[in-house]
Protein backbone atom coordinates (compact mmCIF):
# COMPACT_ATOMS: atom_id res chain seq x y z
CA UNK A 1 52.08 30.55 -197.87
CA UNK A 2 49.08 29.47 -195.81
CA UNK A 3 46.74 27.50 -197.66
CA UNK A 4 43.47 26.57 -195.84
CA UNK A 5 41.01 23.46 -196.34
CA UNK A 6 38.15 22.01 -194.50
CA UNK A 7 34.87 20.42 -194.80
CA UNK A 8 31.84 19.11 -193.22
CA UNK A 9 29.59 16.12 -194.23
CA UNK A 10 26.06 16.93 -194.86
CA UNK A 11 24.57 14.58 -192.66
CA UNK A 12 22.01 16.74 -190.82
CA UNK A 13 21.78 20.34 -189.65
CA UNK A 14 24.87 22.13 -188.35
CA UNK A 15 25.07 22.44 -184.55
CA UNK A 16 27.12 24.74 -182.09
CA UNK A 17 29.87 22.17 -182.05
CA UNK A 18 30.01 22.26 -185.58
CA UNK A 19 30.78 26.04 -185.38
CA UNK A 20 32.60 26.39 -182.37
CA UNK A 21 34.96 23.41 -183.14
CA UNK A 22 35.26 24.26 -186.90
CA UNK A 23 33.30 27.04 -188.43
CA UNK A 24 34.69 29.83 -185.98
CA UNK A 25 37.84 28.77 -186.81
CA UNK A 26 37.63 29.22 -190.70
CA UNK A 27 36.26 32.89 -190.27
CA UNK A 28 39.36 34.08 -188.18
CA UNK A 29 41.65 32.24 -190.79
CA UNK A 30 39.90 33.17 -194.36
CA UNK A 31 41.15 36.97 -193.95
CA UNK A 32 44.77 35.81 -193.13
CA UNK A 33 45.38 32.82 -195.28
CA UNK A 34 46.44 33.53 -198.90
CA UNK A 35 44.02 30.90 -200.07
CA UNK A 36 41.05 29.25 -198.26
CA UNK A 37 38.40 26.51 -199.32
CA UNK A 38 35.70 25.49 -197.70
CA UNK A 39 33.34 22.50 -198.67
CA UNK A 40 30.13 20.63 -198.37
CA UNK A 41 31.94 17.06 -198.77
CA UNK A 42 28.67 15.32 -200.01
CA UNK A 43 30.82 12.21 -201.24
CA UNK A 44 31.56 11.68 -197.90
CA UNK A 45 28.26 11.84 -196.69
CA UNK A 46 26.95 9.20 -199.15
CA UNK A 47 29.33 6.51 -197.17
CA UNK A 48 27.17 6.04 -194.42
CA UNK A 49 22.84 5.73 -194.82
CA UNK A 50 21.10 8.69 -196.29
CA UNK A 51 18.09 9.81 -198.14
CA UNK A 52 18.50 10.77 -201.87
CA UNK A 53 15.51 12.57 -201.72
CA UNK A 54 16.37 14.80 -199.18
CA UNK A 55 20.21 14.97 -199.99
CA UNK A 56 20.19 17.71 -201.93
CA UNK A 57 18.63 19.97 -199.26
CA UNK A 58 20.67 18.60 -196.79
CA UNK A 59 23.63 20.15 -198.77
CA UNK A 60 22.14 23.35 -199.58
CA UNK A 61 21.35 23.64 -195.47
CA UNK A 62 24.97 23.23 -194.70
CA UNK A 63 25.47 25.88 -197.36
CA UNK A 64 23.11 28.18 -196.22
CA UNK A 65 24.83 27.51 -192.38
CA UNK A 66 28.45 28.63 -193.65
CA UNK A 67 27.16 31.75 -195.65
CA UNK A 68 25.15 32.54 -192.25
CA UNK A 69 28.07 31.74 -189.81
CA UNK A 70 30.50 34.54 -191.72
CA UNK A 71 32.11 32.36 -194.56
CA UNK A 72 32.50 35.25 -196.65
CA UNK A 73 33.20 34.19 -200.58
CA UNK A 74 35.03 36.16 -202.74
CA UNK A 75 35.63 34.23 -206.00
CA UNK A 76 36.54 37.21 -208.21
CA UNK A 77 39.51 37.92 -206.45
CA UNK A 78 41.67 35.57 -204.08
CA UNK A 79 39.07 35.19 -201.11
CA UNK A 80 37.81 32.22 -199.94
CA UNK A 81 35.96 29.51 -202.12
CA UNK A 82 33.07 27.70 -200.89
CA UNK A 83 32.30 24.37 -203.19
CA UNK A 84 30.73 21.26 -203.14
CA UNK A 85 33.03 18.45 -203.50
CA UNK A 86 31.23 16.57 -205.94
CA UNK A 87 31.17 19.19 -208.01
CA UNK A 88 35.16 19.29 -208.51
CA UNK A 89 35.81 15.85 -209.79
CA UNK A 90 39.45 16.41 -209.54
CA UNK A 91 39.10 15.32 -206.23
CA UNK A 92 37.61 11.77 -206.84
CA UNK A 93 40.58 11.27 -209.59
CA UNK A 94 43.07 12.22 -207.47
CA UNK A 95 41.81 9.98 -204.56
CA UNK A 96 42.07 6.89 -206.98
CA UNK A 97 45.82 7.76 -207.78
CA UNK A 98 46.61 8.06 -203.93
CA UNK A 99 44.75 4.86 -203.78
CA UNK A 100 47.74 3.31 -205.71
CA UNK A 101 50.54 4.11 -203.23
CA UNK A 102 48.20 3.88 -199.89
CA UNK A 103 48.61 0.99 -197.62
CA UNK A 104 45.37 -1.08 -196.60
CA UNK A 105 47.16 -1.42 -193.18
CA UNK A 106 47.04 2.29 -192.67
CA UNK A 107 43.31 2.39 -193.19
CA UNK A 108 42.41 -0.66 -190.91
CA UNK A 109 44.10 0.65 -187.76
CA UNK A 110 42.06 4.31 -188.16
CA UNK A 111 39.57 4.45 -184.82
CA UNK A 112 37.14 6.22 -186.98
CA UNK A 113 36.43 3.44 -189.28
CA UNK A 114 36.15 0.94 -186.44
CA UNK A 115 33.85 3.46 -184.91
CA UNK A 116 31.69 3.87 -187.91
CA UNK A 117 31.47 0.13 -188.25
CA UNK A 118 30.03 0.02 -184.80
CA UNK A 119 27.52 2.84 -185.02
CA UNK A 120 26.41 2.04 -188.38
CA UNK A 121 26.64 -1.67 -189.31
CA UNK A 122 27.42 -0.44 -192.67
CA UNK A 123 31.07 -2.02 -194.20
CA UNK A 124 31.59 -0.63 -198.10
CA UNK A 125 34.73 0.08 -199.21
CA UNK A 126 34.15 3.83 -199.20
CA UNK A 127 33.86 4.05 -195.34
CA UNK A 128 37.26 2.01 -195.23
CA UNK A 129 38.49 4.54 -197.93
CA UNK A 130 37.15 7.73 -197.51
CA UNK A 131 40.44 8.96 -195.40
CA UNK A 132 42.36 8.88 -198.69
CA UNK A 133 39.47 10.90 -200.41
CA UNK A 134 39.80 13.59 -197.34
CA UNK A 135 43.83 13.56 -198.32
CA UNK A 136 42.80 13.91 -201.89
CA UNK A 137 40.40 17.05 -200.81
CA UNK A 138 43.04 18.83 -199.07
CA UNK A 139 46.09 18.25 -201.48
CA UNK A 140 44.18 18.69 -204.74
CA UNK A 141 44.67 22.57 -203.44
CA UNK A 142 48.17 21.71 -201.91
CA UNK A 143 46.33 23.24 -198.73
CA UNK A 144 48.78 23.03 -195.86
CA UNK A 145 46.57 24.04 -192.83
CA UNK A 146 43.05 22.15 -192.20
CA UNK A 147 41.15 23.24 -188.96
CA UNK A 148 40.05 20.05 -187.55
CA UNK A 149 38.72 18.13 -184.34
CA UNK A 150 40.64 16.08 -182.39
CA UNK A 151 39.10 13.00 -183.67
CA UNK A 152 40.34 13.90 -186.91
CA UNK A 153 44.17 14.01 -186.45
CA UNK A 154 44.70 10.51 -187.38
CA UNK A 155 43.44 11.54 -190.74
CA UNK A 156 45.69 14.59 -190.92
CA UNK A 157 48.47 12.36 -190.22
CA UNK A 158 47.36 9.31 -192.96
CA UNK A 159 47.58 12.47 -195.43
CA UNK A 160 51.21 13.51 -194.78
CA UNK A 161 51.74 9.59 -194.94
CA UNK A 162 50.42 9.90 -198.47
CA UNK A 163 52.13 12.84 -199.35
CA UNK A 164 55.26 11.67 -198.14
CA UNK A 165 55.06 8.55 -200.38
CA UNK A 166 54.40 10.27 -203.17
CA UNK A 167 56.91 12.64 -202.73
CA UNK A 168 59.35 10.01 -202.21
CA UNK A 169 58.23 7.72 -205.15
CA UNK A 170 57.71 10.45 -207.74
CA UNK A 171 59.62 13.64 -206.54
CA UNK A 172 58.78 16.62 -204.26
CA UNK A 173 55.46 17.71 -205.16
CA UNK A 174 53.11 17.96 -202.09
CA UNK A 175 53.23 19.97 -198.81
CA UNK A 176 53.25 19.03 -195.48
CA UNK A 177 49.77 19.49 -193.64
CA UNK A 178 49.26 20.99 -190.19
CA UNK A 179 46.28 20.44 -188.33
CA UNK A 180 44.67 23.73 -186.87
CA UNK A 181 43.04 22.96 -183.45
CA UNK A 182 41.09 25.74 -181.78
CA UNK A 183 39.58 26.13 -177.96
CA UNK A 184 36.30 25.48 -178.95
CA UNK A 185 36.94 21.82 -180.37
CA UNK A 186 35.46 19.79 -178.00
CA UNK A 187 32.32 20.43 -177.68
CA UNK A 188 30.15 17.37 -176.13
CA UNK A 189 26.92 16.25 -175.88
CA UNK A 190 24.16 17.36 -173.90
CA UNK A 191 22.88 14.28 -173.26
CA UNK A 192 26.62 12.45 -172.43
CA UNK A 193 29.52 14.70 -171.65
CA UNK A 194 31.79 11.77 -172.84
CA UNK A 195 30.22 12.32 -176.49
CA UNK A 196 30.77 14.85 -178.98
CA UNK A 197 27.97 16.73 -179.76
CA UNK A 198 26.02 15.40 -182.52
CA UNK A 199 22.95 16.44 -184.62
CA UNK A 200 20.34 14.21 -183.35
CA UNK A 201 17.67 14.35 -180.64
CA UNK A 202 18.48 16.54 -177.47
CA UNK A 203 22.26 15.78 -177.71
CA UNK A 204 22.93 19.08 -179.60
CA UNK A 205 21.75 22.38 -179.98
CA UNK A 206 21.16 23.32 -183.82
CA UNK A 207 21.88 26.56 -185.44
CA UNK A 208 18.85 26.90 -186.61
CA UNK A 209 16.60 25.78 -183.60
CA UNK A 210 14.13 28.47 -182.46
CA UNK A 211 14.29 29.94 -178.86
CA UNK A 212 11.70 27.82 -177.30
CA UNK A 213 13.88 24.49 -178.61
CA UNK A 214 17.23 26.06 -177.13
CA UNK A 215 15.82 26.69 -173.98
CA UNK A 216 13.93 23.17 -173.68
CA UNK A 217 17.71 21.23 -174.63
CA UNK A 218 19.51 23.04 -172.24
CA UNK A 219 16.80 22.63 -169.57
CA UNK A 220 16.95 18.85 -170.10
CA UNK A 221 20.99 18.90 -170.53
CA UNK A 222 21.88 16.31 -167.81
CA UNK A 223 24.13 18.05 -165.03
CA UNK A 224 26.70 16.51 -162.17
CA UNK A 225 26.29 15.69 -158.67
CA UNK A 226 26.11 18.27 -156.31
CA UNK A 227 25.03 22.14 -157.01
CA UNK A 228 28.37 23.93 -157.78
CA UNK A 229 28.96 25.25 -161.10
CA UNK A 230 32.64 24.82 -161.33
CA UNK A 231 34.78 23.54 -164.25
CA UNK A 232 36.58 20.38 -163.94
CA UNK A 233 36.15 18.06 -166.70
CA UNK A 234 36.83 14.54 -164.70
CA UNK A 235 34.63 15.05 -161.29
CA UNK A 236 31.97 17.36 -163.24
CA UNK A 237 32.10 17.06 -167.09
CA UNK A 238 28.69 18.28 -167.88
CA UNK A 239 28.67 21.43 -166.03
CA UNK A 240 32.46 21.97 -167.86
CA UNK A 241 30.76 21.44 -171.30
CA UNK A 242 27.95 23.78 -170.55
CA UNK A 243 30.79 26.44 -169.22
CA UNK A 244 32.76 26.01 -172.32
CA UNK A 245 29.47 26.71 -174.12
CA UNK A 246 29.00 29.91 -172.19
CA UNK A 247 32.23 31.26 -172.10
CA UNK A 248 32.69 30.42 -176.07
CA UNK A 249 29.78 32.40 -176.86
CA UNK A 250 29.99 35.33 -174.49
CA UNK A 251 33.43 35.86 -174.41
CA UNK A 252 33.50 35.89 -170.51
CA UNK A 253 36.29 33.72 -168.92
CA UNK A 254 35.26 30.63 -166.94
CA UNK A 255 36.79 31.88 -163.53
CA UNK A 256 34.34 35.02 -164.30
CA UNK A 257 31.74 32.49 -164.75
CA UNK A 258 32.36 30.24 -161.85
CA UNK A 259 32.51 33.48 -159.56
CA UNK A 260 29.48 34.62 -160.82
CA UNK A 261 27.37 31.37 -159.96
CA UNK A 262 28.80 30.72 -156.76
CA UNK A 263 26.33 29.80 -154.69
CA UNK A 264 23.26 29.40 -157.25
CA UNK A 265 21.72 26.76 -158.73
CA UNK A 266 22.37 24.53 -161.55
CA UNK A 267 18.74 25.93 -163.02
CA UNK A 268 19.84 29.91 -162.51
CA UNK A 269 22.61 28.97 -164.73
CA UNK A 270 21.09 27.01 -167.06
CA UNK A 271 18.46 29.86 -167.75
CA UNK A 272 21.27 32.61 -168.06
CA UNK A 273 22.88 29.61 -170.52
CA UNK A 274 20.18 29.57 -172.55
CA UNK A 275 19.53 33.30 -173.43
CA UNK A 276 23.29 33.49 -174.48
CA UNK A 277 22.35 30.87 -176.70
CA UNK A 278 19.50 32.66 -178.28
CA UNK A 279 21.01 35.86 -178.26
CA UNK A 280 24.07 34.13 -179.89
CA UNK A 281 22.20 32.64 -182.71
CA UNK A 282 19.61 35.37 -183.57
CA UNK A 283 21.53 37.42 -185.97
CA UNK A 284 22.86 34.06 -187.55
CA UNK A 285 19.41 33.10 -188.01
CA UNK A 286 18.56 36.60 -189.65
CA UNK A 287 21.19 36.63 -192.18
CA UNK A 288 20.58 32.60 -192.97
CA UNK A 289 16.61 33.92 -193.92
CA UNK A 290 18.11 36.51 -196.46
CA UNK A 291 20.08 34.07 -197.97
CA UNK A 292 17.56 31.27 -198.01
CA UNK A 293 15.30 33.90 -199.64
CA UNK A 294 17.53 34.63 -202.25
CA UNK A 295 18.78 31.29 -203.79
CA UNK A 296 19.70 32.90 -207.06
CA UNK A 297 22.61 34.72 -205.02
CA UNK A 298 23.84 31.34 -203.26
CA UNK A 299 23.94 29.65 -206.60
CA UNK A 300 26.38 32.21 -208.14
CA UNK A 301 28.64 32.30 -205.11
CA UNK A 302 28.69 28.11 -205.61
CA UNK A 303 29.16 28.44 -209.34
CA UNK A 304 31.63 31.13 -209.34
CA UNK A 305 33.56 29.27 -206.51
CA UNK A 306 33.20 26.17 -207.76
CA UNK A 307 34.77 27.21 -211.24
CA UNK A 308 38.03 28.41 -209.71
CA UNK A 309 38.54 25.65 -207.45
CA UNK A 310 38.38 23.23 -210.77
CA UNK A 311 41.43 25.52 -212.20
CA UNK A 312 43.15 25.20 -209.05
CA UNK A 313 42.26 21.53 -208.91
CA UNK A 314 43.03 20.58 -212.29
CA UNK A 315 46.85 22.23 -212.66
CA UNK A 316 47.90 19.83 -209.57
CA UNK A 317 46.22 17.22 -211.00
CA UNK A 318 47.85 17.88 -214.04
CA UNK A 319 51.32 17.96 -212.13
CA UNK A 320 50.81 14.76 -210.41
CA UNK A 321 49.91 12.84 -213.31
CA UNK A 322 52.93 14.08 -215.00
CA UNK A 323 55.00 13.17 -211.91
CA UNK A 324 53.45 9.44 -212.42
CA UNK A 325 54.02 9.21 -216.06
CA UNK A 326 50.12 9.53 -217.20
CA UNK A 327 50.79 12.68 -219.33
């Protein structure tokens, strides 16, 4: 039985990299998996600096993006669930239980911890410990398939280390978790193709960006030396990134695009790419506006999903506490 879990932090508006690297995969999986749960992981979002006054709006912005992108919750049946992590308290309770069997050395060696330290200057316990909460997010539903980007693979490894140690200490209870990587998981910054696309400045295209903003960002996107529109990650990383975006949004093969723009300039290529992005995002933005105008419907989806998620999570937590001698 395939059980899917995945989540995104509400640390800014979702961008094309989030969609192509994560949400697109979720949409494909939600109809084939026996259980799929998609979360706004708001507890993870407070491990780094944030504004409490705007945080609820940030959470709802991500919820709206999920729904507009095609996540289709059906809490009344066995369909996908859409939840806010903080509304299912079993996540954090299980994380505490996992803390009792997780070696500090496992956490200290993770590259993302060191990257966040360098990036934010914040050094709190939650930043070190959040991979344990991530393991709890996944295993509280006994999920066994997690759509992730390549940078999250060490966290899946850690999740399996925790599950393995739990099973060894207390009996076979938790599943092996497999990562699900998709073609679009490496969408890079428009300004620095050595870094992943982010939610700041001109580095990424937000799913909610208007057409003029999109055209401006694509126009300003860095390019490589020479004028050839050719896919070569080592020699032409910037153009390769733009070709990947074009390919994934249009469905046209990269070889076809290379042939189409043979002898043409970067300007012509960028102009066409901008229109591809604008046209791709138009129906998404129209659908998002409909959900935004119907907040009662959105809250009904969340409330029903979270009620069902708490039932599933309670069942797992009860079994785990019994195994550990706590019940």
